[in-house]
Amino acid sequence: MKGYWLIIGTEIADEEAQRDYGELWKPIATRYGARVNQLATPPILLEARDGRRVIVVEFPSYEIARACYDDPEYQEARLMALKASKRALLIIKGDLV
């Protein structure tokens, strides 16, 4: 069964930190087989206090999604993401598409 990260983020406040996150994320995503926003219809964010962006990241399995989040290299990248904007990240198990 696939695994997903559902990320709800605020507007990006630090563009440089967001670029740094993107550069750190690329090799991690490749290693874990992650695909960003693979849904046929993008999610619509209707009720969120500060949220402005929705990102869906698909992984081959729930276990891989968890392992990616727990990876020390991702934890380093995560610091850049949190510097770039506020966000909530949920890990979901199931087949969305």
PDB file of N, CA and C in Angstrom:
ATOM      1  N   MET A   1       0.843  -1.174   0.000  1.00  0.00           N
ATOM      2  CA  MET A   1       0.000   0.000   0.000  1.00  0.00           C
ATOM      3  C   MET A   1       0.893   1.244   0.000  1.00  0.00           C
ATOM      4  N   LYS A   2       0.536   2.222  -0.817  1.00  0.00           N
ATOM      5  CA  LYS A   2       1.345   3.428  -0.947  1.00  0.00           C
ATOM      6  C   LYS A   2       1.320   4.257   0.334  1.00  0.00           C
ATOM      7  N   GLY A   3       2.294   5.140   0.422  1.00  0.00           N
ATOM      8  CA  GLY A   3       2.355   6.105   1.506  1.00  0.00           C
ATOM      9  C   GLY A   3       2.416   7.505   0.917  1.00  0.00           C
ATOM     10  N   TYR A   4       1.891   8.449   1.656  1.00  0.00           N
ATOM     11  CA  TYR A   4       1.857   9.838   1.189  1.00  0.00           C
ATOM     12  C   TYR A   4       2.259  10.774   2.308  1.00  0.00           C
ATOM     13  N   TRP A   5       2.902  11.853   1.921  1.00  0.00           N
ATOM     14  CA  TRP A   5       3.038  13.004   2.807  1.00  0.00           C
ATOM     15  C   TRP A   5       2.021  14.019   2.295  1.00  0.00           C
ATOM     16  N   LEU A   6       1.218  14.557   3.168  1.00  0.00           N
ATOM     17  CA  LEU A   6       0.335  15.662   2.847  1.00  0.00           C
ATOM     18  C   LEU A   6       0.881  16.852   3.615  1.00  0.00           C
ATOM     19  N   ILE A   7       1.332  17.859   2.887  1.00  0.00           N
ATOM     20  CA  ILE A   7       1.947  19.032   3.495  1.00  0.00           C
ATOM     21  C   ILE A   7       1.058  20.236   3.239  1.00  0.00           C
ATOM     22  N   ILE A   8       0.693  20.922   4.304  1.00  0.00           N
ATOM     23  CA  ILE A   8      -0.082  22.157   4.207  1.00  0.00           C
ATOM     24  C   ILE A   8       0.819  23.265   4.724  1.00  0.00           C
ATOM     25  N   GLY A   9       1.148  24.204   3.860  1.00  0.00           N
ATOM     26  CA  GLY A   9       2.104  25.244   4.219  1.00  0.00           C
ATOM     27  C   GLY A   9       1.560  26.641   4.047  1.00  0.00           C
ATOM     28  N   THR A  10       2.186  27.552   4.761  1.00  0.00           N
ATOM     29  CA  THR A  10       1.865  28.975   4.623  1.00  0.00           C
ATOM     30  C   THR A  10       2.596  29.525   3.398  1.00  0.00           C
ATOM     31  N   GLU A  11       2.387  30.792   3.130  1.00  0.00           N
ATOM     32  CA  GLU A  11       3.155  31.449   2.073  1.00  0.00           C
ATOM     33  C   GLU A  11       4.640  31.287   2.392  1.00  0.00           C
ATOM     34  N   ILE A  12       5.469  31.218   1.367  1.00  0.00           N
ATOM     35  CA  ILE A  12       6.909  31.098   1.572  1.00  0.00           C
ATOM     36  C   ILE A  12       7.447  32.450   2.028  1.00  0.00           C
ATOM     37  N   ALA A  13       8.090  32.456   3.188  1.00  0.00           N
ATOM     38  CA  ALA A  13       8.620  33.683   3.767  1.00  0.00           C
ATOM     39  C   ALA A  13      10.104  33.864   3.465  1.00  0.00           C
ATOM     40  N   ASP A  14      10.801  32.786   3.164  1.00  0.00           N
ATOM     41  CA  ASP A  14      12.239  32.836   2.914  1.00  0.00           C
ATOM     42  C   ASP A  14      12.536  32.035   1.649  1.00  0.00           C
ATOM     43  N   GLU A  15      12.639  32.742   0.532  1.00  0.00           N
ATOM     44  CA  GLU A  15      12.854  32.090  -0.771  1.00  0.00           C
ATOM     45  C   GLU A  15      14.183  31.346  -0.829  1.00  0.00           C
ATOM     46  N   GLU A  16      15.223  31.899  -0.203  1.00  0.00           N
ATOM     47  CA  GLU A  16      16.529  31.240  -0.216  1.00  0.00           C
ATOM     48  C   GLU A  16      16.476  29.907   0.526  1.00  0.00           C
ATOM     49  N   ALA A  17      15.829  29.889   1.676  1.00  0.00           N
ATOM     50  CA  ALA A  17      15.681  28.637   2.424  1.00  0.00           C
ATOM     51  C   ALA A  17      14.861  27.631   1.620  1.00  0.00           C
ATOM     52  N   GLN A  18      13.849  28.092   0.893  1.00  0.00           N
ATOM     53  CA  GLN A  18      13.040  27.189   0.060  1.00  0.00           C
ATOM     54  C   GLN A  18      13.879  26.590  -1.059  1.00  0.00           C
ATOM     55  N   ARG A  19      14.739  27.411  -1.684  1.00  0.00           N
ATOM     56  CA  ARG A  19      15.637  26.891  -2.726  1.00  0.00           C
ATOM     57  C   ARG A  19      16.609  25.863  -2.136  1.00  0.00           C
ATOM     58  N   ASP A  20      17.148  26.170  -0.952  1.00  0.00           N
ATOM     59  CA  ASP A  20      18.070  25.241  -0.297  1.00  0.00           C
ATOM     60  C   ASP A  20      17.364  23.922   0.002  1.00  0.00           C
ATOM     61  N   TYR A  21      16.128  24.002   0.478  1.00  0.00           N
ATOM     62  CA  TYR A  21      15.350  22.793   0.746  1.00  0.00           C
ATOM     63  C   TYR A  21      15.197  21.982  -0.536  1.00  0.00           C
ATOM     64  N   GLY A  22      14.843  22.653  -1.624  1.00  0.00           N
ATOM     65  CA  GLY A  22      14.660  21.964  -2.899  1.00  0.00           C
ATOM     66  C   GLY A  22      15.913  21.227  -3.342  1.00  0.00           C
ATOM     67  N   GLU A  23      17.060  21.845  -3.171  1.00  0.00           N
ATOM     68  CA  GLU A  23      18.323  21.211  -3.558  1.00  0.00           C
ATOM     69  C   GLU A  23      18.640  20.015  -2.661  1.00  0.00           C
ATOM     70  N   LEU A  24      18.375  20.139  -1.376  1.00  0.00           N
ATOM     71  CA  LEU A  24      18.604  19.030  -0.455  1.00  0.00           C
ATOM     72  C   LEU A  24      17.592  17.898  -0.693  1.00  0.00           C
ATOM     73  N   TRP A  25      16.361  18.271  -1.057  1.00  0.00           N
ATOM     74  CA  TRP A  25      15.283  17.295  -1.237  1.00  0.00           C
ATOM     75  C   TRP A  25      15.482  16.412  -2.465  1.00  0.00           C
ATOM     76  N   LYS A  26      16.005  16.954  -3.546  1.00  0.00           N
ATOM     77  CA  LYS A  26      16.097  16.203  -4.810  1.00  0.00           C
ATOM     78  C   LYS A  26      16.748  14.825  -4.664  1.00  0.00           C
ATOM     79  N   PRO A  27      17.962  14.719  -4.102  1.00  0.00           N
ATOM     80  CA  PRO A  27      18.562  13.382  -4.006  1.00  0.00           C
ATOM     81  C   PRO A  27      17.833  12.473  -3.005  1.00  0.00           C
ATOM     82  N   ILE A  28      17.244  13.055  -1.984  1.00  0.00           N
ATOM     83  CA  ILE A  28      16.482  12.265  -1.009  1.00  0.00           C
ATOM     84  C   ILE A  28      15.243  11.680  -1.691  1.00  0.00           C
ATOM     85  N   ALA A  29      14.543  12.513  -2.444  1.00  0.00           N
ATOM     86  CA  ALA A  29      13.339  12.058  -3.161  1.00  0.00           C
ATOM     87  C   ALA A  29      13.682  10.923  -4.119  1.00  0.00           C
ATOM     88  N   THR A  30      14.786  11.065  -4.828  1.00  0.00           N
ATOM     89  CA  THR A  30      15.214  10.021  -5.762  1.00  0.00           C
ATOM     90  C   THR A  30      15.491   8.716  -5.021  1.00  0.00           C
ATOM     91  N   ARG A  31      16.201   8.809  -3.914  1.00  0.00           N
ATOM     92  CA  ARG A  31      16.565   7.617  -3.141  1.00  0.00           C
ATOM     93  C   ARG A  31      15.335   6.872  -2.623  1.00  0.00           C
ATOM     94  N   TYR A  32      14.278   7.613  -2.260  1.00  0.00           N
ATOM     95  CA  TYR A  32      13.081   6.992  -1.690  1.00  0.00           C
ATOM     96  C   TYR A  32      11.941   6.810  -2.694  1.00  0.00           C
ATOM     97  N   GLY A  33      12.174   7.157  -3.953  1.00  0.00           N
ATOM     98  CA  GLY A  33      11.146   6.970  -4.970  1.00  0.00           C
ATOM     99  C   GLY A  33       9.954   7.892  -4.799  1.00  0.00           C
ATOM    100  N   ALA A  34      10.180   9.084  -4.248  1.00  0.00           N
ATOM    101  CA  ALA A  34       9.095  10.044  -3.983  1.00  0.00           C
ATOM    102  C   ALA A  34       8.716  10.805  -5.254  1.00  0.00           C
ATOM    103  N   ARG A  35       7.409  11.004  -5.415  1.00  0.00           N
ATOM    104  CA  ARG A  35       6.887  11.799  -6.541  1.00  0.00           C
ATOM    105  C   ARG A  35       5.964  12.865  -5.962  1.00  0.00           C
ATOM    106  N   VAL A  36       6.214  14.109  -6.323  1.00  0.00           N
ATOM    107  CA  VAL A  36       5.458  15.233  -5.762  1.00  0.00           C
ATOM    108  C   VAL A  36       4.232  15.527  -6.614  1.00  0.00           C
ATOM    109  N   ASN A  37       3.083  15.747  -5.930  1.00  0.00           N
ATOM    110  CA  ASN A  37       1.819  16.157  -6.558  1.00  0.00           C
ATOM    111  C   ASN A  37       1.435  15.279  -7.748  1.00  0.00           C
ATOM    112  N   GLN A  38       1.284  13.993  -7.508  1.00  0.00           N
ATOM    113  CA  GLN A  38       0.927  13.057  -8.562  1.00  0.00           C
ATOM    114  C   GLN A  38      -0.577  12.830  -8.674  1.00  0.00           C
ATOM    115  N   LEU A  39      -1.381  13.573  -7.935  1.00  0.00           N
ATOM    116  CA  LEU A  39      -2.832  13.393  -8.001  1.00  0.00           C
ATOM    117  C   LEU A  39      -3.373  13.916  -9.320  1.00  0.00           C
ATOM    118  N   ALA A  40      -4.348  13.237  -9.872  1.00  0.00           N
ATOM    119  CA  ALA A  40      -4.951  13.659 -11.140  1.00  0.00           C
ATOM    120  C   ALA A  40      -5.607  15.035 -10.994  1.00  0.00           C
ATOM    121  N   THR A  41      -6.234  15.276  -9.870  1.00  0.00           N
ATOM    122  CA  THR A  41      -6.837  16.576  -9.586  1.00  0.00           C
ATOM    123  C   THR A  41      -6.168  17.139  -8.343  1.00  0.00           C
ATOM    124  N   PRO A  42      -5.524  18.307  -8.447  1.00  0.00           N
ATOM    125  CA  PRO A  42      -4.844  18.869  -7.279  1.00  0.00           C
ATOM    126  C   PRO A  42      -5.824  19.134  -6.139  1.00  0.00           C
ATOM    127  N   PRO A  43      -5.363  18.969  -4.885  1.00  0.00           N
ATOM    128  CA  PRO A  43      -6.254  19.241  -3.754  1.00  0.00           C
ATOM    129  C   PRO A  43      -6.596  20.725  -3.670  1.00  0.00           C
ATOM    130  N   ILE A  44      -7.773  21.012  -3.162  1.00  0.00           N
ATOM    131  CA  ILE A  44      -8.214  22.391  -2.958  1.00  0.00           C
ATOM    132  C   ILE A  44      -8.237  22.632  -1.458  1.00  0.00           C
ATOM    133  N   LEU A  45      -7.522  23.640  -1.031  1.00  0.00           N
ATOM    134  CA  LEU A  45      -7.455  23.974   0.379  1.00  0.00           C
ATOM    135  C   LEU A  45      -8.570  24.969   0.691  1.00  0.00           C
ATOM    136  N   LEU A  46      -9.592  24.525   1.415  1.00  0.00           N
ATOM    137  CA  LEU A  46     -10.752  25.371   1.678  1.00  0.00           C
ATOM    138  C   LEU A  46     -10.787  25.943   3.094  1.00  0.00           C
ATOM    139  N   GLU A  47     -10.431  25.159   4.077  1.00  0.00           N
ATOM    140  CA  GLU A  47     -10.536  25.616   5.456  1.00  0.00           C
ATOM    141  C   GLU A  47      -9.192  25.469   6.152  1.00  0.00           C
ATOM    142  N   ALA A  48      -8.426  26.530   6.159  1.00  0.00           N
ATOM    143  CA  ALA A  48      -7.120  26.522   6.816  1.00  0.00           C
ATOM    144  C   ALA A  48      -6.840  27.917   7.338  1.00  0.00           C
ATOM    145  N   ARG A  49      -6.474  27.985   8.582  1.00  0.00           N
ATOM    146  CA  ARG A  49      -6.215  29.283   9.204  1.00  0.00           C
ATOM    147  C   ARG A  49      -5.102  30.036   8.488  1.00  0.00           C
ATOM    148  N   ASP A  50      -3.933  29.401   8.343  1.00  0.00           N
ATOM    149  CA  ASP A  50      -2.789  30.061   7.716  1.00  0.00           C
ATOM    150  C   ASP A  50      -2.323  29.371   6.445  1.00  0.00           C
ATOM    151  N   GLY A  51      -2.846  28.202   6.163  1.00  0.00           N
ATOM    152  CA  GLY A  51      -2.389  27.428   5.023  1.00  0.00           C
ATOM    153  C   GLY A  51      -2.702  28.103   3.699  1.00  0.00           C
ATOM    154  N   ARG A  52      -1.754  28.027   2.780  1.00  0.00           N
ATOM    155  CA  ARG A  52      -1.936  28.592   1.441  1.00  0.00           C
ATOM    156  C   ARG A  52      -1.528  27.608   0.350  1.00  0.00           C
ATOM    157  N   ARG A  53      -0.749  26.587   0.740  1.00  0.00           N
ATOM    158  CA  ARG A  53      -0.211  25.641  -0.247  1.00  0.00           C
ATOM    159  C   ARG A  53      -0.479  24.223   0.223  1.00  0.00           C
ATOM    160  N   VAL A  54      -0.775  23.335  -0.719  1.00  0.00           N
ATOM    161  CA  VAL A  54      -0.953  21.915  -0.428  1.00  0.00           C
ATOM    162  C   VAL A  54      -0.020  21.139  -1.354  1.00  0.00           C
ATOM    163  N   ILE A  55       0.805  20.300  -0.754  1.00  0.00           N
ATOM    164  CA  ILE A  55       1.726  19.468  -1.518  1.00  0.00           C
ATOM    165  C   ILE A  55       1.460  18.018  -1.136  1.00  0.00           C
ATOM    166  N   VAL A  56       1.319  17.164  -2.130  1.00  0.00           N
ATOM    167  CA  VAL A  56       1.153  15.735  -1.898  1.00  0.00           C
ATOM    168  C   VAL A  56       2.396  15.053  -2.455  1.00  0.00           C
ATOM    169  N   VAL A  57       3.041  14.243  -1.616  1.00  0.00           N
ATOM    170  CA  VAL A  57       4.226  13.497  -2.031  1.00  0.00           C
ATOM    171  C   VAL A  57       3.890  12.015  -1.929  1.00  0.00           C
ATOM    172  N   GLU A  58       3.997  11.312  -3.053  1.00  0.00           N
ATOM    173  CA  GLU A  58       3.669   9.883  -3.102  1.00  0.00           C
ATOM    174  C   GLU A  58       4.940   9.050  -2.968  1.00  0.00           C
ATOM    175  N   PHE A  59       4.851   7.988  -2.154  1.00  0.00           N
ATOM    176  CA  PHE A  59       5.952   7.050  -1.956  1.00  0.00           C
ATOM    177  C   PHE A  59       5.463   5.646  -2.336  1.00  0.00           C
ATOM    178  N   PRO A  60       6.382   4.761  -2.687  1.00  0.00           N
ATOM    179  CA  PRO A  60       5.982   3.395  -3.045  1.00  0.00           C
ATOM    180  C   PRO A  60       5.230   2.665  -1.923  1.00  0.00           C
ATOM    181  N   SER A  61       5.524   3.018  -0.665  1.00  0.00           N
ATOM    182  CA  SER A  61       4.826   2.380   0.458  1.00  0.00           C
ATOM    183  C   SER A  61       4.809   3.323   1.654  1.00  0.00           C
ATOM    184  N   TYR A  62       3.933   3.014   2.583  1.00  0.00           N
ATOM    185  CA  TYR A  62       3.840   3.768   3.838  1.00  0.00           C
ATOM    186  C   TYR A  62       5.157   3.673   4.614  1.00  0.00           C
ATOM    187  N   GLU A  63       5.736   2.490   4.635  1.00  0.00           N
ATOM    188  CA  GLU A  63       6.986   2.288   5.363  1.00  0.00           C
ATOM    189  C   GLU A  63       8.108   3.140   4.783  1.00  0.00           C
ATOM    190  N   ILE A  64       8.144   3.261   3.470  1.00  0.00           N
ATOM    191  CA  ILE A  64       9.161   4.094   2.820  1.00  0.00           C
ATOM    192  C   ILE A  64       8.906   5.568   3.140  1.00  0.00           C
ATOM    193  N   ALA A  65       7.652   5.984   3.167  1.00  0.00           N
ATOM    194  CA  ALA A  65       7.324   7.373   3.520  1.00  0.00           C
ATOM    195  C   ALA A  65       7.818   7.695   4.926  1.00  0.00           C
ATOM    196  N   ARG A  66       7.610   6.767   5.849  1.00  0.00           N
ATOM    197  CA  ARG A  66       8.087   6.955   7.239  1.00  0.00           C
ATOM    198  C   ARG A  66       9.607   6.984   7.294  1.00  0.00           C
ATOM    199  N   ALA A  67      10.242   6.053   6.587  1.00  0.00           N
ATOM    200  CA  ALA A  67      11.706   5.975   6.587  1.00  0.00           C
ATOM    201  C   ALA A  67      12.325   7.243   6.019  1.00  0.00           C
ATOM    202  N   CYS A  68      11.721   7.784   4.969  1.00  0.00           N
ATOM    203  CA  CYS A  68      12.222   9.016   4.374  1.00  0.00           C
ATOM    204  C   CYS A  68      12.169  10.152   5.388  1.00  0.00           C
ATOM    205  N   TYR A  69      11.038  10.284   6.070  1.00  0.00           N
ATOM    206  CA  TYR A  69      10.902  11.356   7.061  1.00  0.00           C
ATOM    207  C   TYR A  69      11.925  11.196   8.183  1.00  0.00           C
ATOM    208  N   ASP A  70      12.199   9.970   8.587  1.00  0.00           N
ATOM    209  CA  ASP A  70      13.120   9.700   9.696  1.00  0.00           C
ATOM    210  C   ASP A  70      14.593   9.765   9.287  1.00  0.00           C
ATOM    211  N   ASP A  71      14.870   9.808   7.984  1.00  0.00           N
ATOM    212  CA  ASP A  71      16.240   9.832   7.484  1.00  0.00           C
ATOM    213  C   ASP A  71      16.969  11.080   8.009  1.00  0.00           C
ATOM    214  N   PRO A  72      18.168  10.928   8.568  1.00  0.00           N
ATOM    215  CA  PRO A  72      18.913  12.086   9.073  1.00  0.00           C
ATOM    216  C   PRO A  72      19.148  13.164   8.010  1.00  0.00           C
ATOM    217  N   GLU A  73      19.347  12.763   6.757  1.00  0.00           N
ATOM    218  CA  GLU A  73      19.528  13.759   5.698  1.00  0.00           C
ATOM    219  C   GLU A  73      18.244  14.557   5.492  1.00  0.00           C
ATOM    220  N   TYR A  74      17.088  13.873   5.584  1.00  0.00           N
ATOM    221  CA  TYR A  74      15.837  14.624   5.445  1.00  0.00           C
ATOM    222  C   TYR A  74      15.640  15.555   6.636  1.00  0.00           C
ATOM    223  N   GLN A  75      16.017  15.125   7.811  1.00  0.00           N
ATOM    224  CA  GLN A  75      15.862  15.990   8.985  1.00  0.00           C
ATOM    225  C   GLN A  75      16.675  17.269   8.820  1.00  0.00           C
ATOM    226  N   GLU A  76      17.825  17.181   8.171  1.00  0.00           N
ATOM    227  CA  GLU A  76      18.616  18.376   7.864  1.00  0.00           C
ATOM    228  C   GLU A  76      17.868  19.258   6.864  1.00  0.00           C
ATOM    229  N   ALA A  77      17.331  18.642   5.816  1.00  0.00           N
ATOM    230  CA  ALA A  77      16.578  19.393   4.810  1.00  0.00           C
ATOM    231  C   ALA A  77      15.332  20.026   5.427  1.00  0.00           C
ATOM    232  N   ARG A  78      14.695  19.299   6.315  1.00  0.00           N
ATOM    233  CA  ARG A  78      13.475  19.760   6.981  1.00  0.00           C
ATOM    234  C   ARG A  78      13.691  21.103   7.686  1.00  0.00           C
ATOM    235  N   LEU A  79      14.860  21.305   8.244  1.00  0.00           N
ATOM    236  CA  LEU A  79      15.158  22.582   8.904  1.00  0.00           C
ATOM    237  C   LEU A  79      15.035  23.745   7.922  1.00  0.00           C
ATOM    238  N   MET A  80      15.457  23.528   6.676  1.00  0.00           N
ATOM    239  CA  MET A  80      15.333  24.567   5.647  1.00  0.00           C
ATOM    240  C   MET A  80      13.866  24.793   5.296  1.00  0.00           C
ATOM    241  N   ALA A  81      13.095  23.700   5.224  1.00  0.00           N
ATOM    242  CA  ALA A  81      11.662  23.830   4.919  1.00  0.00           C
ATOM    243  C   ALA A  81      10.960  24.639   5.998  1.00  0.00           C
ATOM    244  N   LEU A  82      11.305  24.375   7.254  1.00  0.00           N
ATOM    245  CA  LEU A  82      10.659  25.092   8.360  1.00  0.00           C
ATOM    246  C   LEU A  82      11.113  26.543   8.445  1.00  0.00           C
ATOM    247  N   LYS A  83      12.308  26.822   7.942  1.00  0.00           N
ATOM    248  CA  LYS A  83      12.781  28.210   7.865  1.00  0.00           C
ATOM    249  C   LYS A  83      12.048  28.958   6.746  1.00  0.00           C
ATOM    250  N   ALA A  84      11.715  28.228   5.683  1.00  0.00           N
ATOM    251  CA  ALA A  84      11.067  28.837   4.521  1.00  0.00           C
ATOM    252  C   ALA A  84       9.612  29.202   4.799  1.00  0.00           C
ATOM    253  N   SER A  85       8.893  28.350   5.545  1.00  0.00           N
ATOM    254  CA  SER A  85       7.477  28.602   5.824  1.00  0.00           C
ATOM    255  C   SER A  85       7.017  27.718   6.974  1.00  0.00           C
ATOM    256  N   LYS A  86       5.891  28.074   7.542  1.00  0.00           N
ATOM    257  CA  LYS A  86       5.261  27.218   8.545  1.00  0.00           C
ATOM    258  C   LYS A  86       4.483  26.153   7.796  1.00  0.00           C
ATOM    259  N   ARG A  87       4.416  24.956   8.378  1.00  0.00           N
ATOM    260  CA  ARG A  87       3.709  23.895   7.680  1.00  0.00           C
ATOM    261  C   ARG A  87       3.294  22.796   8.647  1.00  0.00           C
ATOM    262  N   ALA A  88       2.369  21.999   8.184  1.00  0.00           N
ATOM    263  CA  ALA A  88       1.961  20.775   8.871  1.00  0.00           C
ATOM    264  C   ALA A  88       2.210  19.647   7.872  1.00  0.00           C
ATOM    265  N   LEU A  89       2.749  18.523   8.351  1.00  0.00           N
ATOM    266  CA  LEU A  89       3.026  17.377   7.493  1.00  0.00           C
ATOM    267  C   LEU A  89       2.372  16.154   8.098  1.00  0.00           C
ATOM    268  N   LEU A  90       1.512  15.506   7.316  1.00  0.00           N
ATOM    269  CA  LEU A  90       0.850  14.273   7.744  1.00  0.00           C
ATOM    270  C   LEU A  90       1.387  13.141   6.882  1.00  0.00           C
ATOM    271  N   ILE A  91       1.548  11.961   7.467  1.00  0.00           N
ATOM    272  CA  ILE A  91       1.912  10.776   6.696  1.00  0.00           C
ATOM    273  C   ILE A  91       0.666   9.888   6.646  1.00  0.00           C
ATOM    274  N   ILE A  92       0.282   9.512   5.421  1.00  0.00           N
ATOM    275  CA  ILE A  92      -0.968   8.784   5.183  1.00  0.00           C
ATOM    276  C   ILE A  92      -0.662   7.441   4.538  1.00  0.00           C
ATOM    277  N   LYS A  93      -1.378   6.419   4.956  1.00  0.00           N
ATOM    278  CA  LYS A  93      -1.248   5.080   4.371  1.00  0.00           C
ATOM    279  C   LYS A  93      -2.507   4.805   3.542  1.00  0.00           C
ATOM    280  N   GLY A  94      -2.331   4.407   2.292  1.00  0.00           N
ATOM    281  CA  GLY A  94      -3.478   4.087   1.461  1.00  0.00           C
ATOM    282  C   GLY A  94      -3.215   4.380   0.006  1.00  0.00           C
ATOM    283  N   ASP A  95      -4.176   4.042  -0.826  1.00  0.00           N
ATOM    284  CA  ASP A  95      -4.071   4.305  -2.251  1.00  0.00           C
ATOM    285  C   ASP A  95      -5.012   5.450  -2.602  1.00  0.00           C
ATOM    286  N   LEU A  96      -4.414   6.615  -2.928  1.00  0.00           N
ATOM    287  CA  LEU A  96      -5.215   7.812  -3.229  1.00  0.00           C
ATOM    288  C   LEU A  96      -5.581   7.912  -4.689  1.00  0.00           C
ATOM    289  N   VAL A  97      -4.764   7.316  -5.554  1.00  0.00           N
ATOM    290  CA  VAL A  97      -5.050   7.413  -6.986  1.00  0.00           C
ATOM    291  C   VAL A  97      -5.100   6.050  -7.597  1.00  0.00           C
TER     292      VAL A  97
END
